[in-house]
Structures are given as structure tokens and as C-alpha cells.
Amino acid sequence: MKAWHLGQKLLFFAGLLAVWALLARFGPWPHHLFPGPKAVTESLLAMARDGRLWDALVRSMGRLAQGYALSVFIGVPLGIIMGRMRPVRRLLRPLVVGLQALPSICWLPLALLWFGLTETSIIFVVVMGSVLAIAIAVEDGVMSVDPLLLRVSSTYGIRGARFHAGVLLPAALPGIVTGLKLGWSFAWRALMAGELLYVSGGLGQLLTMGRELMEIPQVMAVMVCIIAVGTFIDRVLFQTVELRVRRRWGLVPG
């Protein structure tokens, strides 16, 4: 069965490549504006050989790690507080939801004015793009905890740090993991948007340079790299952890 599913996926992607090649050859756009898989692969390999791709990837991942870590450090406690304290939730929920609706790239002009042309500006955009999504998802996870479990823990006198570490966080863990996964996707998008508008030496700058030099194979090659990195982290890290947590909590079959 696994071999059959793998074969289906390979056949599907082979079909996509074939459609891409046909569009590049016979489509409505000139070849230099819509290169085929061969030209894009050659551009990707060339950037890998001369080191540009790896340098840009390391820079982007370093910024992402810093911004995402700050988002988790702020967003998880904020979500727990909102989920547990009704007055705080009533005050902050409309503000958090409203700010979450604001595209993260809208924070870049303010970031440049506040922090200048520095790494801090892009990291700030990454944080603002992901911290609120994490807070909202964690809040939903906390509020979805079975009230019976909370009453039982209260009956047994479990309070304070013992309650939060031993009861609340484990019970809300599936929602928290989902929030971390969601926050990662927002952080990745915010990073790429910030790097596109600010000369920063990351993957976004490679995209901008390809556009300015009309190197469309380079633009599409970097896009393929961004998709590959995002898919790899989502599937290998977050989806694996999320699946194990849900199985441990009996939310999906073993």
C-alpha cells in the first residue's frame, strides 16, 4: 500500500513537471519569462556550486530561528493567560485578532523607522507575523481543555505551577503544537516578505536580484528552494511531532 501511494505521488509530480515543460515550450509567455524545469534546475545547481544559495539559506534560517524563538517565548504565555483569565481575554482578544488580520509586511515601514536598516527590522517583522497566530492558537488549545479535568485537579488541590506544568500544559499540548506549527508558517512567509523589500543577503535578496537582472530561472529556482525548505520543516518536524502528540492523547488512531 505504501509503495502504491509513493507511486501515485511520483506520478503526480512527474505530470506537474511535464505540464510545466509544455507550458514553457508552447505557452503564451516567451521562454525567457517562463523557463522550463531544465533551465531552473541548472540555475539552482549553479547557485549551489558558487555558494550563493547556501549563504542566503543560512542567513534566512538564522533570522527565522531568532524571530520564531521570540514569537514562541511571547506567544505561548500570552495565549495561556488569555485562555485562563477571562478579563484579560475580553480586553486583549479583539486587539490580538485585529492585529493578526494585518499583513506582516505592513510592519516593515515602522520597523525600518524604529530600528533602521538592521537585522532587527526583519526579525521584528517575523515576530509580528507569527506571535499573534501562536497566541490565538494556544488560547484556543487552553480553552478546549476538558472542564471536568480542571474541576478534578481543583478538587485535589492542584494549583499554581504544579497545575500549569502537570495538568494544563499537557492537556492543551495538541492545541499548542498546532499553534507552533501555524506560527512557523506565518514566520516563514513574513521573513520572505521582509527580505524581498530590504537588501539583506537572504533568499529574498536572491529573488530581488533575479528580478532586477531579468534572471527568471534564478527567481523560479529560489522559489523552488523556499517551497522545499518550508515543506521539509513542516512535514519532517512539525507534522511528525503533531502526529505523535495526537496519537499519545488518543486523538488519532495509533
C-alpha atoms as a PDB file:
ATOM      1  CA  MET A   1       0.000   0.000   0.000  1.00  0.00           C
ATOM      2  CA  LYS A   2       2.835   2.414   0.862  1.00  0.00           C
ATOM      3  CA  ALA A   3       4.552   1.655  -2.448  1.00  0.00           C
ATOM      4  CA  TRP A   4       1.262   2.364  -4.249  1.00  0.00           C
ATOM      5  CA  HIS A   5       0.864   5.744  -2.525  1.00  0.00           C
ATOM      6  CA  LEU A   6       4.507   6.601  -3.279  1.00  0.00           C
ATOM      7  CA  GLY A   7       3.973   5.666  -6.902  1.00  0.00           C
ATOM      8  CA  GLN A   8       0.904   7.910  -7.073  1.00  0.00           C
ATOM      9  CA  LYS A   9       2.862  10.847  -5.670  1.00  0.00           C
ATOM     10  CA  LEU A  10       5.752  10.312  -8.066  1.00  0.00           C
ATOM     11  CA  LEU A  11       3.340  10.061 -10.986  1.00  0.00           C
ATOM     12  CA  PHE A  12       1.594  13.253  -9.882  1.00  0.00           C
ATOM     13  CA  PHE A  13       4.838  15.238  -9.653  1.00  0.00           C
ATOM     14  CA  ALA A  14       6.051  13.822 -12.953  1.00  0.00           C
ATOM     15  CA  GLY A  15       2.811  15.063 -14.507  1.00  0.00           C
ATOM     16  CA  LEU A  16       3.353  18.526 -12.990  1.00  0.00           C
ATOM     17  CA  LEU A  17       6.868  18.664 -14.433  1.00  0.00           C
ATOM     18  CA  ALA A  18       5.533  17.593 -17.831  1.00  0.00           C
ATOM     19  CA  VAL A  19       2.850  20.319 -17.774  1.00  0.00           C
ATOM     20  CA  TRP A  20       5.479  22.862 -16.689  1.00  0.00           C
ATOM     21  CA  ALA A  21       7.785  21.845 -19.557  1.00  0.00           C
ATOM     22  CA  LEU A  22       4.930  22.033 -22.082  1.00  0.00           C
ATOM     23  CA  LEU A  23       3.868  25.486 -20.866  1.00  0.00           C
ATOM     24  CA  ALA A  24       7.465  26.699 -21.081  1.00  0.00           C
ATOM     25  CA  ARG A  25       7.745  25.431 -24.644  1.00  0.00           C
ATOM     26  CA  PHE A  26       4.311  26.173 -26.078  1.00  0.00           C
ATOM     27  CA  GLY A  27       2.703  28.506 -23.541  1.00  0.00           C
ATOM     28  CA  PRO A  28       1.669  32.153 -24.020  1.00  0.00           C
ATOM     29  CA  TRP A  29       4.855  33.559 -22.435  1.00  0.00           C
ATOM     30  CA  PRO A  30       8.279  33.888 -24.068  1.00  0.00           C
ATOM     31  CA  HIS A  31      10.799  31.318 -22.912  1.00  0.00           C
ATOM     32  CA  HIS A  32      12.911  33.911 -21.106  1.00  0.00           C
ATOM     33  CA  LEU A  33       9.884  34.872 -18.988  1.00  0.00           C
ATOM     34  CA  PHE A  34       8.738  31.318 -18.263  1.00  0.00           C
ATOM     35  CA  PRO A  35      11.731  28.951 -18.289  1.00  0.00           C
ATOM     36  CA  GLY A  36      11.283  25.212 -18.115  1.00  0.00           C
ATOM     37  CA  PRO A  37      12.402  22.758 -15.427  1.00  0.00           C
ATOM     38  CA  LYS A  38      15.802  22.226 -17.089  1.00  0.00           C
ATOM     39  CA  ALA A  39      16.774  25.920 -17.004  1.00  0.00           C
ATOM     40  CA  VAL A  40      15.542  26.326 -13.427  1.00  0.00           C
ATOM     41  CA  THR A  41      17.445  23.240 -12.274  1.00  0.00           C
ATOM     42  CA  GLU A  42      20.628  24.497 -13.937  1.00  0.00           C
ATOM     43  CA  SER A  43      20.245  27.860 -12.204  1.00  0.00           C
ATOM     44  CA  LEU A  44      19.648  26.160  -8.840  1.00  0.00           C
ATOM     45  CA  LEU A  45      22.752  23.991  -9.256  1.00  0.00           C
ATOM     46  CA  ALA A  46      24.839  26.988 -10.328  1.00  0.00           C
ATOM     47  CA  MET A  47      23.853  28.947  -7.201  1.00  0.00           C
ATOM     48  CA  ALA A  48      24.601  25.897  -5.058  1.00  0.00           C
ATOM     49  CA  ARG A  49      28.036  25.430  -6.628  1.00  0.00           C
ATOM     50  CA  ASP A  50      29.166  29.047  -6.202  1.00  0.00           C
ATOM     51  CA  GLY A  51      27.842  29.207  -2.639  1.00  0.00           C
ATOM     52  CA  ARG A  52      25.242  31.928  -3.117  1.00  0.00           C
ATOM     53  CA  LEU A  53      22.341  29.625  -2.320  1.00  0.00           C
ATOM     54  CA  TRP A  54      23.876  28.206   0.877  1.00  0.00           C
ATOM     55  CA  ASP A  55      24.929  31.631   2.157  1.00  0.00           C
ATOM     56  CA  ALA A  56      21.438  33.030   1.562  1.00  0.00           C
ATOM     57  CA  LEU A  57      19.811  29.979   3.144  1.00  0.00           C
ATOM     58  CA  VAL A  58      21.970  30.220   6.280  1.00  0.00           C
ATOM     59  CA  ARG A  59      21.189  33.930   6.650  1.00  0.00           C
ATOM     60  CA  SER A  60      17.455  33.399   6.220  1.00  0.00           C
ATOM     61  CA  MET A  61      17.305  30.433   8.598  1.00  0.00           C
ATOM     62  CA  GLY A  62      19.268  32.362  11.224  1.00  0.00           C
ATOM     63  CA  ARG A  63      16.788  35.230  11.114  1.00  0.00           C
ATOM     64  CA  LEU A  64      13.893  32.792  11.169  1.00  0.00           C
ATOM     65  CA  ALA A  65      15.265  30.985  14.215  1.00  0.00           C
ATOM     66  CA  GLN A  66      15.647  34.228  16.165  1.00  0.00           C
ATOM     67  CA  GLY A  67      12.258  35.627  15.212  1.00  0.00           C
ATOM     68  CA  TYR A  68      10.402  32.365  15.743  1.00  0.00           C
ATOM     69  CA  ALA A  69      12.031  31.750  19.129  1.00  0.00           C
ATOM     70  CA  LEU A  70      10.931  35.207  20.294  1.00  0.00           C
ATOM     71  CA  SER A  71       7.426  34.545  18.959  1.00  0.00           C
ATOM     72  CA  VAL A  72       7.160  31.297  20.932  1.00  0.00           C
ATOM     73  CA  PHE A  73       8.598  32.935  24.072  1.00  0.00           C
ATOM     74  CA  ILE A  74       5.954  35.678  23.901  1.00  0.00           C
ATOM     75  CA  GLY A  75       3.020  33.949  22.196  1.00  0.00           C
ATOM     76  CA  VAL A  76       2.697  30.803  24.342  1.00  0.00           C
ATOM     77  CA  PRO A  77       2.469  32.612  27.720  1.00  0.00           C
ATOM     78  CA  LEU A  78       0.185  35.227  26.183  1.00  0.00           C
ATOM     79  CA  GLY A  79      -2.131  32.532  24.849  1.00  0.00           C
ATOM     80  CA  ILE A  80      -2.199  30.740  28.194  1.00  0.00           C
ATOM     81  CA  ILE A  81      -3.028  33.967  30.042  1.00  0.00           C
ATOM     82  CA  MET A  82      -5.794  34.793  27.572  1.00  0.00           C
ATOM     83  CA  GLY A  83      -7.194  31.292  27.838  1.00  0.00           C
ATOM     84  CA  ARG A  84      -7.198  31.196  31.636  1.00  0.00           C
ATOM     85  CA  MET A  85      -8.109  34.776  32.601  1.00  0.00           C
ATOM     86  CA  ARG A  86     -11.462  35.944  31.274  1.00  0.00           C
ATOM     87  CA  PRO A  87     -10.938  39.708  31.951  1.00  0.00           C
ATOM     88  CA  VAL A  88      -7.637  39.609  30.085  1.00  0.00           C
ATOM     89  CA  ARG A  89      -9.253  37.692  27.232  1.00  0.00           C
ATOM     90  CA  ARG A  90     -12.066  40.231  26.934  1.00  0.00           C
ATOM     91  CA  LEU A  91      -9.559  43.075  26.749  1.00  0.00           C
ATOM     92  CA  LEU A  92      -6.882  41.554  24.546  1.00  0.00           C
ATOM     93  CA  ARG A  93      -8.745  39.157  22.243  1.00  0.00           C
ATOM     94  CA  PRO A  94     -10.224  41.859  19.932  1.00  0.00           C
ATOM     95  CA  LEU A  95      -6.848  43.604  19.731  1.00  0.00           C
ATOM     96  CA  VAL A  96      -4.913  40.409  19.041  1.00  0.00           C
ATOM     97  CA  VAL A  97      -7.389  39.239  16.385  1.00  0.00           C
ATOM     98  CA  GLY A  98      -7.391  42.670  14.752  1.00  0.00           C
ATOM     99  CA  LEU A  99      -3.604  42.871  14.612  1.00  0.00           C
ATOM    100  CA  GLN A 100      -3.430  39.315  13.300  1.00  0.00           C
ATOM    101  CA  ALA A 101      -5.544  40.403  10.315  1.00  0.00           C
ATOM    102  CA  LEU A 102      -2.863  42.971   9.435  1.00  0.00           C
ATOM    103  CA  PRO A 103      -0.395  41.561   6.866  1.00  0.00           C
ATOM    104  CA  SER A 104       3.028  41.224   8.436  1.00  0.00           C
ATOM    105  CA  ILE A 105       4.717  43.222   5.674  1.00  0.00           C
ATOM    106  CA  CYS A 106       2.791  46.289   6.863  1.00  0.00           C
ATOM    107  CA  TRP A 107       5.078  46.327   9.900  1.00  0.00           C
ATOM    108  CA  LEU A 108       8.220  46.799   7.779  1.00  0.00           C
ATOM    109  CA  PRO A 109       7.969  50.614   7.328  1.00  0.00           C
ATOM    110  CA  LEU A 110       7.625  51.065  11.084  1.00  0.00           C
ATOM    111  CA  ALA A 111      10.421  48.581  11.719  1.00  0.00           C
ATOM    112  CA  LEU A 112      12.757  50.496   9.407  1.00  0.00           C
ATOM    113  CA  LEU A 113      11.890  53.758  11.153  1.00  0.00           C
ATOM    114  CA  TRP A 114      12.317  52.283  14.633  1.00  0.00           C
ATOM    115  CA  PHE A 115      15.348  50.041  14.099  1.00  0.00           C
ATOM    116  CA  GLY A 116      16.894  51.308  10.849  1.00  0.00           C
ATOM    117  CA  LEU A 117      18.393  49.110   8.125  1.00  0.00           C
ATOM    118  CA  THR A 118      19.387  46.360  10.528  1.00  0.00           C
ATOM    119  CA  GLU A 119      18.738  42.690  11.155  1.00  0.00           C
ATOM    120  CA  THR A 120      16.433  43.733  13.975  1.00  0.00           C
ATOM    121  CA  SER A 121      13.965  45.180  11.475  1.00  0.00           C
ATOM    122  CA  ILE A 122      13.435  41.882   9.687  1.00  0.00           C
ATOM    123  CA  ILE A 123      13.341  39.911  12.939  1.00  0.00           C
ATOM    124  CA  PHE A 124      10.687  42.331  14.219  1.00  0.00           C
ATOM    125  CA  VAL A 125       8.574  41.683  11.113  1.00  0.00           C
ATOM    126  CA  VAL A 126       8.945  37.918  11.626  1.00  0.00           C
ATOM    127  CA  VAL A 127       7.848  38.217  15.257  1.00  0.00           C
ATOM    128  CA  MET A 128       4.825  40.337  14.412  1.00  0.00           C
ATOM    129  CA  GLY A 129       3.899  37.912  11.667  1.00  0.00           C
ATOM    130  CA  SER A 130       3.828  34.844  13.922  1.00  0.00           C
ATOM    131  CA  VAL A 131       3.440  35.763  17.602  1.00  0.00           C
ATOM    132  CA  LEU A 132      -0.248  36.624  17.386  1.00  0.00           C
ATOM    133  CA  ALA A 133      -1.119  33.455  15.468  1.00  0.00           C
ATOM    134  CA  ILE A 134       0.648  31.412  18.147  1.00  0.00           C
ATOM    135  CA  ALA A 135      -1.152  33.274  20.943  1.00  0.00           C
ATOM    136  CA  ILE A 136      -4.589  32.731  19.376  1.00  0.00           C
ATOM    137  CA  ALA A 137      -3.980  29.028  18.729  1.00  0.00           C
ATOM    138  CA  VAL A 138      -2.610  28.448  22.240  1.00  0.00           C
ATOM    139  CA  GLU A 139      -5.602  30.272  23.708  1.00  0.00           C
ATOM    140  CA  ASP A 140      -7.965  28.009  21.758  1.00  0.00           C
ATOM    141  CA  GLY A 141      -5.996  24.961  22.941  1.00  0.00           C
ATOM    142  CA  VAL A 142      -6.237  26.043  26.581  1.00  0.00           C
ATOM    143  CA  MET A 143      -9.951  26.772  26.330  1.00  0.00           C
ATOM    144  CA  SER A 144     -10.604  23.369  24.728  1.00  0.00           C
ATOM    145  CA  VAL A 145      -9.271  21.511  27.785  1.00  0.00           C
ATOM    146  CA  ASP A 146     -11.975  19.320  29.326  1.00  0.00           C
ATOM    147  CA  PRO A 147     -13.592  21.309  32.196  1.00  0.00           C
ATOM    148  CA  LEU A 148     -14.024  18.064  34.140  1.00  0.00           C
ATOM    149  CA  LEU A 149     -10.242  17.673  34.227  1.00  0.00           C
ATOM    150  CA  LEU A 150      -9.884  21.191  35.608  1.00  0.00           C
ATOM    151  CA  ARG A 151     -12.514  20.550  38.309  1.00  0.00           C
ATOM    152  CA  VAL A 152     -10.876  17.285  39.342  1.00  0.00           C
ATOM    153  CA  SER A 153      -7.469  18.951  39.657  1.00  0.00           C
ATOM    154  CA  SER A 154      -9.033  21.727  41.732  1.00  0.00           C
ATOM    155  CA  THR A 155     -10.710  19.155  43.972  1.00  0.00           C
ATOM    156  CA  TYR A 156      -7.350  17.516  44.635  1.00  0.00           C
ATOM    157  CA  GLY A 157      -5.819  20.878  45.476  1.00  0.00           C
ATOM    158  CA  ILE A 158      -3.524  21.052  42.463  1.00  0.00           C
ATOM    159  CA  ARG A 159      -2.789  24.724  41.909  1.00  0.00           C
ATOM    160  CA  GLY A 160      -0.105  27.166  40.830  1.00  0.00           C
ATOM    161  CA  ALA A 161       2.958  25.958  38.976  1.00  0.00           C
ATOM    162  CA  ARG A 162       2.069  22.333  39.644  1.00  0.00           C
ATOM    163  CA  PHE A 163      -1.304  22.798  37.968  1.00  0.00           C
ATOM    164  CA  HIS A 164       0.102  24.581  34.913  1.00  0.00           C
ATOM    165  CA  ALA A 165       3.027  22.205  34.405  1.00  0.00           C
ATOM    166  CA  GLY A 166       1.298  18.965  35.325  1.00  0.00           C
ATOM    167  CA  VAL A 167      -2.297  19.447  34.186  1.00  0.00           C
ATOM    168  CA  LEU A 168      -2.972  22.439  31.945  1.00  0.00           C
ATOM    169  CA  LEU A 169       0.009  22.315  29.577  1.00  0.00           C
ATOM    170  CA  PRO A 170      -0.157  18.540  28.944  1.00  0.00           C
ATOM    171  CA  ALA A 171      -3.913  18.722  28.362  1.00  0.00           C
ATOM    172  CA  ALA A 172      -3.562  21.676  25.987  1.00  0.00           C
ATOM    173  CA  LEU A 173      -0.451  20.304  24.255  1.00  0.00           C
ATOM    174  CA  PRO A 174      -2.174  19.234  20.987  1.00  0.00           C
ATOM    175  CA  GLY A 175      -3.525  22.760  20.541  1.00  0.00           C
ATOM    176  CA  ILE A 176      -0.185  24.289  21.489  1.00  0.00           C
ATOM    177  CA  VAL A 177       1.676  22.160  18.938  1.00  0.00           C
ATOM    178  CA  THR A 178      -0.837  23.184  16.282  1.00  0.00           C
ATOM    179  CA  GLY A 179      -0.250  26.809  17.255  1.00  0.00           C
ATOM    180  CA  LEU A 180       3.521  26.406  16.967  1.00  0.00           C
ATOM    181  CA  LYS A 181       3.087  24.855  13.520  1.00  0.00           C
ATOM    182  CA  LEU A 182       0.806  27.679  12.432  1.00  0.00           C
ATOM    183  CA  GLY A 183       3.183  30.288  13.824  1.00  0.00           C
ATOM    184  CA  TRP A 184       6.078  28.742  11.899  1.00  0.00           C
ATOM    185  CA  SER A 185       4.249  29.074   8.589  1.00  0.00           C
ATOM    186  CA  PHE A 186       3.430  32.725   9.288  1.00  0.00           C
ATOM    187  CA  ALA A 187       7.021  33.401  10.361  1.00  0.00           C
ATOM    188  CA  TRP A 188       8.403  31.866   7.150  1.00  0.00           C
ATOM    189  CA  ARG A 189       6.105  33.996   4.984  1.00  0.00           C
ATOM    190  CA  ALA A 190       6.862  37.157   6.954  1.00  0.00           C
ATOM    191  CA  LEU A 191      10.596  36.550   6.598  1.00  0.00           C
ATOM    192  CA  MET A 192      10.403  36.171   2.827  1.00  0.00           C
ATOM    193  CA  ALA A 193       8.254  39.300   2.518  1.00  0.00           C
ATOM    194  CA  GLY A 194      10.682  41.306   4.640  1.00  0.00           C
ATOM    195  CA  GLU A 195      13.734  40.108   2.733  1.00  0.00           C
ATOM    196  CA  LEU A 196      12.122  40.969  -0.598  1.00  0.00           C
ATOM    197  CA  LEU A 197      11.801  44.631   0.360  1.00  0.00           C
ATOM    198  CA  TYR A 198      15.085  45.049   2.199  1.00  0.00           C
ATOM    199  CA  VAL A 199      18.586  44.233   0.892  1.00  0.00           C
ATOM    200  CA  SER A 200      19.511  41.632   3.438  1.00  0.00           C
ATOM    201  CA  GLY A 201      21.593  38.868   1.908  1.00  0.00           C
ATOM    202  CA  GLY A 202      18.944  36.161   2.303  1.00  0.00           C
ATOM    203  CA  LEU A 203      16.770  34.166  -0.060  1.00  0.00           C
ATOM    204  CA  GLY A 204      14.577  37.220  -0.581  1.00  0.00           C
ATOM    205  CA  GLN A 205      17.542  39.181  -1.892  1.00  0.00           C
ATOM    206  CA  LEU A 206      18.322  36.411  -4.387  1.00  0.00           C
ATOM    207  CA  LEU A 207      14.748  36.736  -5.637  1.00  0.00           C
ATOM    208  CA  THR A 208      15.079  40.511  -5.946  1.00  0.00           C
ATOM    209  CA  MET A 209      18.418  40.276  -7.750  1.00  0.00           C
ATOM    210  CA  GLY A 210      16.991  37.761 -10.204  1.00  0.00           C
ATOM    211  CA  ARG A 211      14.073  40.085 -10.946  1.00  0.00           C
ATOM    212  CA  GLU A 212      16.289  43.141 -11.414  1.00  0.00           C
ATOM    213  CA  LEU A 213      18.676  41.260 -13.715  1.00  0.00           C
ATOM    214  CA  MET A 214      15.803  39.536 -15.555  1.00  0.00           C
ATOM    215  CA  GLU A 215      17.240  36.171 -14.498  1.00  0.00           C
ATOM    216  CA  ILE A 216      13.869  34.429 -14.343  1.00  0.00           C
ATOM    217  CA  PRO A 217      15.415  30.944 -13.927  1.00  0.00           C
ATOM    218  CA  GLN A 218      17.097  32.253 -10.771  1.00  0.00           C
ATOM    219  CA  VAL A 219      13.799  33.678  -9.491  1.00  0.00           C
ATOM    220  CA  MET A 220      11.990  30.387 -10.024  1.00  0.00           C
ATOM    221  CA  ALA A 221      14.908  28.384  -8.626  1.00  0.00           C
ATOM    222  CA  VAL A 222      14.827  30.368  -5.373  1.00  0.00           C
ATOM    223  CA  MET A 223      11.046  29.935  -5.233  1.00  0.00           C
ATOM    224  CA  VAL A 224      11.514  26.162  -5.548  1.00  0.00           C
ATOM    225  CA  CYS A 225      14.091  26.308  -2.733  1.00  0.00           C
ATOM    226  CA  ILE A 226      11.714  28.275  -0.475  1.00  0.00           C
ATOM    227  CA  ILE A 227       8.922  25.762  -1.123  1.00  0.00           C
ATOM    228  CA  ALA A 228      11.266  22.829  -0.480  1.00  0.00           C
ATOM    229  CA  VAL A 229      12.577  24.226   2.819  1.00  0.00           C
ATOM    230  CA  GLY A 230       9.091  25.127   4.033  1.00  0.00           C
ATOM    231  CA  THR A 231       7.683  21.726   3.107  1.00  0.00           C
ATOM    232  CA  PHE A 232      10.606  19.871   4.667  1.00  0.00           C
ATOM    233  CA  ILE A 233      10.332  21.639   8.030  1.00  0.00           C
ATOM    234  CA  ASP A 234       6.554  21.346   8.079  1.00  0.00           C
ATOM    235  CA  ARG A 235       6.449  17.651   7.145  1.00  0.00           C
ATOM    236  CA  VAL A 236       9.546  16.341   8.917  1.00  0.00           C
ATOM    237  CA  LEU A 237       9.449  18.379  12.119  1.00  0.00           C
ATOM    238  CA  PHE A 238       6.043  19.807  12.913  1.00  0.00           C
ATOM    239  CA  GLN A 239       3.808  17.192  11.326  1.00  0.00           C
ATOM    240  CA  THR A 240       5.793  14.383  12.952  1.00  0.00           C
ATOM    241  CA  VAL A 241       5.585  15.985  16.400  1.00  0.00           C
ATOM    242  CA  GLU A 242       1.905  16.862  15.951  1.00  0.00           C
ATOM    243  CA  LEU A 243       1.029  13.315  14.879  1.00  0.00           C
ATOM    244  CA  ARG A 244       2.866  11.767  17.825  1.00  0.00           C
ATOM    245  CA  VAL A 245       1.214  14.113  20.313  1.00  0.00           C
ATOM    246  CA  ARG A 246      -2.240  13.431  18.905  1.00  0.00           C
ATOM    247  CA  ARG A 247      -1.627   9.682  18.985  1.00  0.00           C
ATOM    248  CA  ARG A 248      -0.376   9.921  22.565  1.00  0.00           C
ATOM    249  CA  TRP A 249      -3.533  11.809  23.529  1.00  0.00           C
ATOM    250  CA  GLY A 250      -5.765   9.372  21.628  1.00  0.00           C
ATOM    251  CA  LEU A 251      -6.962  11.958  19.105  1.00  0.00           C
ATOM    252  CA  VAL A 252      -5.983   9.810  16.104  1.00  0.00           C
ATOM    253  CA  PRO A 253      -5.678   6.024  15.689  1.00  0.00           C
ATOM    254  CA  GLY A 254      -2.339   4.514  16.617  1.00  0.00           C
END
